[in-house]
Amino acid sequence: MNNENGHYAWTVTVGTKGQIVIPKEARELFGITPGDTLILLGDVKQGLAIPPKNGLFEAYFKQIFGGEEK
């Protein structure tokens, strides 16, 4: 679902192994490619979030865990 103000919503199904498939439109929009590492954030009151891979969290991940940026 696309909104003119840049907000989007998609539905995903959780498989038997707890895996989800990120919709193709979302992968293309956010530049997510096979082999990318994403950060899944959780808050028991607010739910789950996957920040954009090119946001600040990628820099934090690199700073904490080291390694090359993709």
PDB file of N, CA and C in Angstrom:
ATOM      1  N   MET A   1       0.855  -1.176   0.000  1.00  0.00           N
ATOM      2  CA  MET A   1       0.000   0.000   0.000  1.00  0.00           C
ATOM      3  C   MET A   1       0.899   1.237   0.000  1.00  0.00           C
ATOM      4  N   ASN A   2       0.672   2.120  -0.918  1.00  0.00           N
ATOM      5  CA  ASN A   2       1.484   3.324  -1.060  1.00  0.00           C
ATOM      6  C   ASN A   2       0.664   4.539  -0.646  1.00  0.00           C
ATOM      7  N   ASN A   3       1.310   5.428   0.068  1.00  0.00           N
ATOM      8  CA  ASN A   3       0.686   6.679   0.470  1.00  0.00           C
ATOM      9  C   ASN A   3       1.533   7.801  -0.097  1.00  0.00           C
ATOM     10  N   GLU A   4       0.917   8.864  -0.541  1.00  0.00           N
ATOM     11  CA  GLU A   4       1.656   9.950  -1.188  1.00  0.00           C
ATOM     12  C   GLU A   4       2.686  10.608  -0.279  1.00  0.00           C
ATOM     13  N   ASN A   5       2.569  10.460   1.025  1.00  0.00           N
ATOM     14  CA  ASN A   5       3.524  11.106   1.932  1.00  0.00           C
ATOM     15  C   ASN A   5       4.722  10.217   2.255  1.00  0.00           C
ATOM     16  N   GLY A   6       4.892   9.135   1.507  1.00  0.00           N
ATOM     17  CA  GLY A   6       6.055   8.273   1.717  1.00  0.00           C
ATOM     18  C   GLY A   6       5.852   7.181   2.743  1.00  0.00           C
ATOM     19  N   HIS A   7       4.647   7.015   3.256  1.00  0.00           N
ATOM     20  CA  HIS A   7       4.356   5.939   4.195  1.00  0.00           C
ATOM     21  C   HIS A   7       3.813   4.746   3.437  1.00  0.00           C
ATOM     22  N   TYR A   8       4.274   3.561   3.790  1.00  0.00           N
ATOM     23  CA  TYR A   8       3.886   2.339   3.112  1.00  0.00           C
ATOM     24  C   TYR A   8       3.448   1.301   4.134  1.00  0.00           C
ATOM     25  N   ALA A   9       2.677   0.325   3.697  1.00  0.00           N
ATOM     26  CA  ALA A   9       2.291  -0.802   4.536  1.00  0.00           C
ATOM     27  C   ALA A   9       2.188  -2.039   3.663  1.00  0.00           C
ATOM     28  N   TRP A  10       2.708  -3.145   4.146  1.00  0.00           N
ATOM     29  CA  TRP A  10       2.612  -4.429   3.467  1.00  0.00           C
ATOM     30  C   TRP A  10       2.219  -5.474   4.491  1.00  0.00           C
ATOM     31  N   THR A  11       1.710  -6.587   4.024  1.00  0.00           N
ATOM     32  CA  THR A  11       1.467  -7.720   4.910  1.00  0.00           C
ATOM     33  C   THR A  11       2.455  -8.818   4.555  1.00  0.00           C
ATOM     34  N   VAL A  12       2.858  -9.582   5.556  1.00  0.00           N
ATOM     35  CA  VAL A  12       3.745 -10.730   5.356  1.00  0.00           C
ATOM     36  C   VAL A  12       3.176 -11.891   6.161  1.00  0.00           C
ATOM     37  N   THR A  13       3.548 -13.089   5.762  1.00  0.00           N
ATOM     38  CA  THR A  13       3.133 -14.288   6.469  1.00  0.00           C
ATOM     39  C   THR A  13       4.355 -14.909   7.124  1.00  0.00           C
ATOM     40  N   VAL A  14       4.208 -15.309   8.368  1.00  0.00           N
ATOM     41  CA  VAL A  14       5.295 -15.974   9.080  1.00  0.00           C
ATOM     42  C   VAL A  14       5.223 -17.462   8.775  1.00  0.00           C
ATOM     43  N   GLY A  15       6.336 -18.011   8.281  1.00  0.00           N
ATOM     44  CA  GLY A  15       6.389 -19.432   7.948  1.00  0.00           C
ATOM     45  C   GLY A  15       6.590 -20.290   9.183  1.00  0.00           C
ATOM     46  N   THR A  16       6.606 -21.586   8.987  1.00  0.00           N
ATOM     47  CA  THR A  16       6.731 -22.528  10.099  1.00  0.00           C
ATOM     48  C   THR A  16       8.065 -22.411  10.831  1.00  0.00           C
ATOM     49  N   LYS A  17       9.086 -21.879  10.165  1.00  0.00           N
ATOM     50  CA  LYS A  17      10.398 -21.685  10.793  1.00  0.00           C
ATOM     51  C   LYS A  17      10.563 -20.274  11.348  1.00  0.00           C
ATOM     52  N   GLY A  18       9.474 -19.504  11.378  1.00  0.00           N
ATOM     53  CA  GLY A  18       9.535 -18.138  11.896  1.00  0.00           C
ATOM     54  C   GLY A  18      10.071 -17.131  10.902  1.00  0.00           C
ATOM     55  N   GLN A  19      10.194 -17.513   9.645  1.00  0.00           N
ATOM     56  CA  GLN A  19      10.737 -16.626   8.620  1.00  0.00           C
ATOM     57  C   GLN A  19       9.625 -15.827   7.945  1.00  0.00           C
ATOM     58  N   ILE A  20       9.990 -14.617   7.516  1.00  0.00           N
ATOM     59  CA  ILE A  20       9.068 -13.807   6.728  1.00  0.00           C
ATOM     60  C   ILE A  20       9.755 -13.459   5.412  1.00  0.00           C
ATOM     61  N   VAL A  21       8.955 -13.182   4.399  1.00  0.00           N
ATOM     62  CA  VAL A  21       9.478 -12.721   3.119  1.00  0.00           C
ATOM     63  C   VAL A  21       9.141 -11.243   3.006  1.00  0.00           C
ATOM     64  N   ILE A  22      10.161 -10.433   2.794  1.00  0.00           N
ATOM     65  CA  ILE A  22       9.945  -8.999   2.607  1.00  0.00           C
ATOM     66  C   ILE A  22       9.427  -8.802   1.187  1.00  0.00           C
ATOM     67  N   PRO A  23       8.282  -8.153   1.027  1.00  0.00           N
ATOM     68  CA  PRO A  23       7.709  -7.983  -0.311  1.00  0.00           C
ATOM     69  C   PRO A  23       8.686  -7.319  -1.285  1.00  0.00           C
ATOM     70  N   LYS A  24       8.613  -7.739  -2.551  1.00  0.00           N
ATOM     71  CA  LYS A  24       9.522  -7.243  -3.581  1.00  0.00           C
ATOM     72  C   LYS A  24       9.527  -5.717  -3.655  1.00  0.00           C
ATOM     73  N   GLU A  25       8.354  -5.097  -3.609  1.00  0.00           N
ATOM     74  CA  GLU A  25       8.282  -3.636  -3.680  1.00  0.00           C
ATOM     75  C   GLU A  25       9.063  -2.994  -2.531  1.00  0.00           C
ATOM     76  N   ALA A  26       8.970  -3.557  -1.337  1.00  0.00           N
ATOM     77  CA  ALA A  26       9.695  -3.029  -0.183  1.00  0.00           C
ATOM     78  C   ALA A  26      11.201  -3.236  -0.345  1.00  0.00           C
ATOM     79  N   ARG A  27      11.599  -4.425  -0.837  1.00  0.00           N
ATOM     80  CA  ARG A  27      13.033  -4.675  -1.055  1.00  0.00           C
ATOM     81  C   ARG A  27      13.613  -3.689  -2.058  1.00  0.00           C
ATOM     82  N   GLU A  28      12.875  -3.443  -3.140  1.00  0.00           N
ATOM     83  CA  GLU A  28      13.360  -2.500  -4.158  1.00  0.00           C
ATOM     84  C   GLU A  28      13.392  -1.079  -3.619  1.00  0.00           C
ATOM     85  N   LEU A  29      12.362  -0.677  -2.897  1.00  0.00           N
ATOM     86  CA  LEU A  29      12.280   0.677  -2.360  1.00  0.00           C
ATOM     87  C   LEU A  29      13.427   0.978  -1.400  1.00  0.00           C
ATOM     88  N   PHE A  30      13.782  -0.006  -0.572  1.00  0.00           N
ATOM     89  CA  PHE A  30      14.812   0.211   0.443  1.00  0.00           C
ATOM     90  C   PHE A  30      16.168  -0.387   0.079  1.00  0.00           C
ATOM     91  N   GLY A  31      16.296  -0.895  -1.152  1.00  0.00           N
ATOM     92  CA  GLY A  31      17.583  -1.406  -1.618  1.00  0.00           C
ATOM     93  C   GLY A  31      18.063  -2.640  -0.875  1.00  0.00           C
ATOM     94  N   ILE A  32      17.144  -3.508  -0.470  1.00  0.00           N
ATOM     95  CA  ILE A  32      17.502  -4.727   0.255  1.00  0.00           C
ATOM     96  C   ILE A  32      17.798  -5.819  -0.758  1.00  0.00           C
ATOM     97  N   THR A  33      18.992  -6.416  -0.639  1.00  0.00           N
ATOM     98  CA  THR A  33      19.417  -7.443  -1.578  1.00  0.00           C
ATOM     99  C   THR A  33      19.805  -8.713  -0.823  1.00  0.00           C
ATOM    100  N   PRO A  34      19.828  -9.870  -1.515  1.00  0.00           N
ATOM    101  CA  PRO A  34      20.218 -11.114  -0.850  1.00  0.00           C
ATOM    102  C   PRO A  34      21.570 -10.981  -0.157  1.00  0.00           C
ATOM    103  N   GLY A  35      21.659 -11.493   1.048  1.00  0.00           N
ATOM    104  CA  GLY A  35      22.888 -11.433   1.821  1.00  0.00           C
ATOM    105  C   GLY A  35      23.000 -10.221   2.734  1.00  0.00           C
ATOM    106  N   ASP A  36      22.114  -9.245   2.578  1.00  0.00           N
ATOM    107  CA  ASP A  36      22.130  -8.076   3.462  1.00  0.00           C
ATOM    108  C   ASP A  36      21.815  -8.488   4.894  1.00  0.00           C
ATOM    109  N   THR A  37      22.384  -7.775   5.835  1.00  0.00           N
ATOM    110  CA  THR A  37      22.064  -7.956   7.243  1.00  0.00           C
ATOM    111  C   THR A  37      21.166  -6.812   7.667  1.00  0.00           C
ATOM    112  N   LEU A  38      20.017  -7.166   8.231  1.00  0.00           N
ATOM    113  CA  LEU A  38      19.071  -6.165   8.714  1.00  0.00           C
ATOM    114  C   LEU A  38      18.982  -6.263  10.229  1.00  0.00           C
ATOM    115  N   ILE A  39      18.577  -5.198  10.856  1.00  0.00           N
ATOM    116  CA  ILE A  39      18.400  -5.178  12.301  1.00  0.00           C
ATOM    117  C   ILE A  39      16.908  -5.191  12.595  1.00  0.00           C
ATOM    118  N   LEU A  40      16.496  -6.108  13.440  1.00  0.00           N
ATOM    119  CA  LEU A  40      15.109  -6.213  13.868  1.00  0.00           C
ATOM    120  C   LEU A  40      15.047  -5.695  15.303  1.00  0.00           C
ATOM    121  N   LEU A  41      14.304  -4.613  15.511  1.00  0.00           N
ATOM    122  CA  LEU A  41      14.166  -4.024  16.839  1.00  0.00           C
ATOM    123  C   LEU A  41      12.825  -4.412  17.418  1.00  0.00           C
ATOM    124  N   GLY A  42      12.771  -4.646  18.715  1.00  0.00           N
ATOM    125  CA  GLY A  42      11.516  -5.019  19.344  1.00  0.00           C
ATOM    126  C   GLY A  42      11.292  -4.284  20.649  1.00  0.00           C
ATOM    127  N   ASP A  43      10.053  -3.948  20.890  1.00  0.00           N
ATOM    128  CA  ASP A  43       9.616  -3.317  22.127  1.00  0.00           C
ATOM    129  C   ASP A  43       8.308  -4.002  22.506  1.00  0.00           C
ATOM    130  N   VAL A  44       8.210  -4.542  23.719  1.00  0.00           N
ATOM    131  CA  VAL A  44       7.025  -5.313  24.082  1.00  0.00           C
ATOM    132  C   VAL A  44       5.749  -4.483  24.029  1.00  0.00           C
ATOM    133  N   LYS A  45       5.853  -3.178  24.164  1.00  0.00           N
ATOM    134  CA  LYS A  45       4.667  -2.326  24.113  1.00  0.00           C
ATOM    135  C   LYS A  45       4.389  -1.792  22.709  1.00  0.00           C
ATOM    136  N   GLN A  46       5.444  -1.549  21.904  1.00  0.00           N
ATOM    137  CA  GLN A  46       5.258  -0.918  20.603  1.00  0.00           C
ATOM    138  C   GLN A  46       5.368  -1.881  19.432  1.00  0.00           C
ATOM    139  N   GLY A  47       5.936  -3.061  19.618  1.00  0.00           N
ATOM    140  CA  GLY A  47       6.036  -4.040  18.550  1.00  0.00           C
ATOM    141  C   GLY A  47       7.415  -4.116  17.919  1.00  0.00           C
ATOM    142  N   LEU A  48       7.458  -4.601  16.681  1.00  0.00           N
ATOM    143  CA  LEU A  48       8.709  -4.819  15.953  1.00  0.00           C
ATOM    144  C   LEU A  48       8.919  -3.747  14.894  1.00  0.00           C
ATOM    145  N   ALA A  49      10.182  -3.498  14.575  1.00  0.00           N
ATOM    146  CA  ALA A  49      10.527  -2.548  13.510  1.00  0.00           C
ATOM    147  C   ALA A  49      11.797  -3.035  12.822  1.00  0.00           C
ATOM    148  N   ILE A  50      11.865  -2.819  11.528  1.00  0.00           N
ATOM    149  CA  ILE A  50      13.076  -3.077  10.744  1.00  0.00           C
ATOM    150  C   ILE A  50      13.475  -1.749  10.134  1.00  0.00           C
ATOM    151  N   PRO A  51      14.458  -1.055  10.725  1.00  0.00           N
ATOM    152  CA  PRO A  51      14.867   0.243  10.173  1.00  0.00           C
ATOM    153  C   PRO A  51      15.500   0.078   8.794  1.00  0.00           C
ATOM    154  N   PRO A  52      15.460   1.113   7.958  1.00  0.00           N
ATOM    155  CA  PRO A  52      16.112   1.038   6.640  1.00  0.00           C
ATOM    156  C   PRO A  52      17.581   0.676   6.788  1.00  0.00           C
ATOM    157  N   LYS A  53      18.072  -0.199   5.908  1.00  0.00           N
ATOM    158  CA  LYS A  53      19.451  -0.681   6.040  1.00  0.00           C
ATOM    159  C   LYS A  53      20.479   0.429   5.857  1.00  0.00           C
ATOM    160  N   ASN A  54      20.135   1.505   5.203  1.00  0.00           N
ATOM    161  CA  ASN A  54      21.094   2.587   4.997  1.00  0.00           C
ATOM    162  C   ASN A  54      20.963   3.684   6.048  1.00  0.00           C
ATOM    163  N   GLY A  55      20.241   3.410   7.099  1.00  0.00           N
ATOM    164  CA  GLY A  55      20.051   4.387   8.160  1.00  0.00           C
ATOM    165  C   GLY A  55      21.157   4.320   9.202  1.00  0.00           C
ATOM    166  N   LEU A  56      20.953   4.982  10.294  1.00  0.00           N
ATOM    167  CA  LEU A  56      21.943   5.040  11.366  1.00  0.00           C
ATOM    168  C   LEU A  56      22.248   3.677  11.965  1.00  0.00           C
ATOM    169  N   PHE A  57      21.283   2.759  11.951  1.00  0.00           N
ATOM    170  CA  PHE A  57      21.497   1.482  12.607  1.00  0.00           C
ATOM    171  C   PHE A  57      22.590   0.660  11.932  1.00  0.00           C
ATOM    172  N   GLU A  58      22.778   0.819  10.630  1.00  0.00           N
ATOM    173  CA  GLU A  58      23.864   0.113   9.959  1.00  0.00           C
ATOM    174  C   GLU A  58      25.208   0.609  10.476  1.00  0.00           C
ATOM    175  N   ALA A  59      25.325   1.901  10.690  1.00  0.00           N
ATOM    176  CA  ALA A  59      26.567   2.463  11.241  1.00  0.00           C
ATOM    177  C   ALA A  59      26.794   1.969  12.665  1.00  0.00           C
ATOM    178  N   TYR A  60      25.734   1.920  13.475  1.00  0.00           N
ATOM    179  CA  TYR A  60      25.855   1.404  14.841  1.00  0.00           C
ATOM    180  C   TYR A  60      26.294  -0.061  14.825  1.00  0.00           C
ATOM    181  N   PHE A  61      25.687  -0.846  13.921  1.00  0.00           N
ATOM    182  CA  PHE A  61      26.029  -2.257  13.813  1.00  0.00           C
ATOM    183  C   PHE A  61      27.511  -2.424  13.485  1.00  0.00           C
ATOM    184  N   LYS A  62      27.992  -1.646  12.518  1.00  0.00           N
ATOM    185  CA  LYS A  62      29.398  -1.725  12.124  1.00  0.00           C
ATOM    186  C   LYS A  62      30.301  -1.305  13.275  1.00  0.00           C
ATOM    187  N   GLN A  63      29.910  -0.251  13.982  1.00  0.00           N
ATOM    188  CA  GLN A  63      30.719   0.241  15.095  1.00  0.00           C
ATOM    189  C   GLN A  63      30.809  -0.803  16.205  1.00  0.00           C
ATOM    190  N   ILE A  64      29.706  -1.497  16.474  1.00  0.00           N
ATOM    191  CA  ILE A  64      29.676  -2.478  17.555  1.00  0.00           C
ATOM    192  C   ILE A  64      30.336  -3.775  17.153  1.00  0.00           C
ATOM    193  N   PHE A  65      30.011  -4.280  15.952  1.00  0.00           N
ATOM    194  CA  PHE A  65      30.441  -5.597  15.545  1.00  0.00           C
ATOM    195  C   PHE A  65      31.603  -5.599  14.553  1.00  0.00           C
ATOM    196  N   GLY A  66      31.974  -4.430  14.033  1.00  0.00           N
ATOM    197  CA  GLY A  66      33.051  -4.353  13.062  1.00  0.00           C
ATOM    198  C   GLY A  66      32.607  -4.843  11.694  1.00  0.00           C
ATOM    199  N   GLY A  67      33.531  -4.973  10.771  1.00  0.00           N
ATOM    200  CA  GLY A  67      33.199  -5.459   9.430  1.00  0.00           C
ATOM    201  C   GLY A  67      33.033  -4.320   8.449  1.00  0.00           C
ATOM    202  N   GLU A  68      32.947  -4.698   7.209  1.00  0.00           N
ATOM    203  CA  GLU A  68      32.816  -3.738   6.118  1.00  0.00           C
ATOM    204  C   GLU A  68      31.361  -3.399   5.888  1.00  0.00           C
ATOM    205  N   GLU A  69      31.100  -2.141   5.519  1.00  0.00           N
ATOM    206  CA  GLU A  69      29.758  -1.743   5.107  1.00  0.00           C
ATOM    207  C   GLU A  69      29.484  -2.341   3.738  1.00  0.00           C
ATOM    208  N   LYS A  70      28.216  -2.621   3.506  1.00  0.00           N
ATOM    209  CA  LYS A  70      27.818  -3.164   2.201  1.00  0.00           C
ATOM    210  C   LYS A  70      27.472  -2.037   1.274  1.00  0.00           C
TER     211      LYS A  70
END
